[in-house]
């Protein structure tokens, strides 16, 4: 990863669980150079006083014309 720019982030806290939704612009090399906009969703759970990711998803953003 050579670049990460957070464009938007939302956090929903529900007792001992939190959901984060983050839109980022990433660039780097993964075999070949890439750059693009992505959405990341993470589900966090507070276990024994420590927040841990228990589920996640990522997808690329396609802008229509």
C-alpha atoms as a PDB file:
ATOM      1  CA  UNK A   1       0.000   0.000   0.000  1.00  0.00           C
ATOM      2  CA  UNK A   2       1.478   3.337  -0.998  1.00  0.00           C
ATOM      3  CA  UNK A   3      -1.468   5.594  -0.214  1.00  0.00           C
ATOM      4  CA  UNK A   4      -4.659   5.685   1.820  1.00  0.00           C
ATOM      5  CA  UNK A   5      -7.008   8.638   2.078  1.00  0.00           C
ATOM      6  CA  UNK A   6     -10.119   8.359   4.252  1.00  0.00           C
ATOM      7  CA  UNK A   7     -12.982  10.078   2.425  1.00  0.00           C
ATOM      8  CA  UNK A   8     -15.882   9.315   4.767  1.00  0.00           C
ATOM      9  CA  UNK A   9     -16.458   7.317   7.943  1.00  0.00           C
ATOM     10  CA  UNK A  10     -19.558   6.414   9.932  1.00  0.00           C
ATOM     11  CA  UNK A  11     -19.602   4.619  13.280  1.00  0.00           C
ATOM     12  CA  UNK A  12     -22.648   3.014  14.902  1.00  0.00           C
ATOM     13  CA  UNK A  13     -22.219   1.946  18.525  1.00  0.00           C
ATOM     14  CA  UNK A  14     -24.668  -0.661  19.832  1.00  0.00           C
ATOM     15  CA  UNK A  15     -23.820  -1.649  23.409  1.00  0.00           C
ATOM     16  CA  UNK A  16     -20.806  -4.011  23.111  1.00  0.00           C
ATOM     17  CA  UNK A  17     -20.865  -4.081  19.277  1.00  0.00           C
ATOM     18  CA  UNK A  18     -19.896  -1.336  16.819  1.00  0.00           C
ATOM     19  CA  UNK A  19     -20.169  -1.117  13.031  1.00  0.00           C
ATOM     20  CA  UNK A  20     -17.810   1.089  11.024  1.00  0.00           C
ATOM     21  CA  UNK A  21     -18.408   2.024   7.398  1.00  0.00           C
ATOM     22  CA  UNK A  22     -15.461   3.745   5.739  1.00  0.00           C
ATOM     23  CA  UNK A  23     -14.946   5.028   2.178  1.00  0.00           C
ATOM     24  CA  UNK A  24     -11.292   5.325   1.195  1.00  0.00           C
ATOM     25  CA  UNK A  25      -9.111   6.012  -1.816  1.00  0.00           C
ATOM     26  CA  UNK A  26      -6.292   3.457  -1.980  1.00  0.00           C
ATOM     27  CA  UNK A  27      -3.223   3.148  -4.146  1.00  0.00           C
ATOM     28  CA  UNK A  28      -0.426   0.641  -4.183  1.00  0.00           C
ATOM     29  CA  UNK A  29       0.995  -2.407  -5.907  1.00  0.00           C
ATOM     30  CA  UNK A  30      -0.686  -5.798  -5.678  1.00  0.00           C
ATOM     31  CA  UNK A  31       1.139  -7.599  -8.486  1.00  0.00           C
ATOM     32  CA  UNK A  32       0.386  -4.554 -10.637  1.00  0.00           C
ATOM     33  CA  UNK A  33      -0.182  -0.913  -9.649  1.00  0.00           C
ATOM     34  CA  UNK A  34      -3.735  -0.017  -8.629  1.00  0.00           C
ATOM     35  CA  UNK A  35      -5.699   2.985  -7.448  1.00  0.00           C
ATOM     36  CA  UNK A  36      -9.352   3.263  -6.592  1.00  0.00           C
ATOM     37  CA  UNK A  37     -12.140   4.028  -4.210  1.00  0.00           C
ATOM     38  CA  UNK A  38     -13.353   1.334  -1.800  1.00  0.00           C
ATOM     39  CA  UNK A  39     -15.950   0.873   0.949  1.00  0.00           C
ATOM     40  CA  UNK A  40     -14.914  -1.046   4.065  1.00  0.00           C
ATOM     41  CA  UNK A  41     -17.429  -2.374   6.578  1.00  0.00           C
ATOM     42  CA  UNK A  42     -16.217  -3.760   9.890  1.00  0.00           C
ATOM     43  CA  UNK A  43     -18.130  -5.242  12.812  1.00  0.00           C
ATOM     44  CA  UNK A  44     -16.337  -4.814  16.125  1.00  0.00           C
ATOM     45  CA  UNK A  45     -17.088  -6.531  19.441  1.00  0.00           C
ATOM     46  CA  UNK A  46     -15.855  -5.501  22.856  1.00  0.00           C
ATOM     47  CA  UNK A  47     -14.364  -8.662  24.364  1.00  0.00           C
ATOM     48  CA  UNK A  48     -12.896  -8.386  27.850  1.00  0.00           C
ATOM     49  CA  UNK A  49     -12.366  -4.622  27.442  1.00  0.00           C
ATOM     50  CA  UNK A  50     -10.706  -4.843  24.010  1.00  0.00           C
ATOM     51  CA  UNK A  51     -12.351  -3.989  20.671  1.00  0.00           C
ATOM     52  CA  UNK A  52     -11.796  -6.756  18.094  1.00  0.00           C
ATOM     53  CA  UNK A  53     -12.943  -7.098  14.491  1.00  0.00           C
ATOM     54  CA  UNK A  54     -15.333 -10.052  14.233  1.00  0.00           C
ATOM     55  CA  UNK A  55     -16.486  -9.530  10.628  1.00  0.00           C
ATOM     56  CA  UNK A  56     -15.543  -7.408   7.642  1.00  0.00           C
ATOM     57  CA  UNK A  57     -16.242  -6.671   4.010  1.00  0.00           C
ATOM     58  CA  UNK A  58     -14.642  -4.564   1.284  1.00  0.00           C
ATOM     59  CA  UNK A  59     -15.863  -3.632  -2.179  1.00  0.00           C
ATOM     60  CA  UNK A  60     -14.725  -1.281  -4.920  1.00  0.00           C
ATOM     61  CA  UNK A  61     -16.775   1.798  -5.815  1.00  0.00           C
ATOM     62  CA  UNK A  62     -17.954   2.180  -9.392  1.00  0.00           C
ATOM     63  CA  UNK A  63     -19.063   5.643 -10.440  1.00  0.00           C
ATOM     64  CA  UNK A  64     -21.755   5.640 -13.127  1.00  0.00           C
ATOM     65  CA  UNK A  65     -22.205   8.295 -15.756  1.00  0.00           C
END
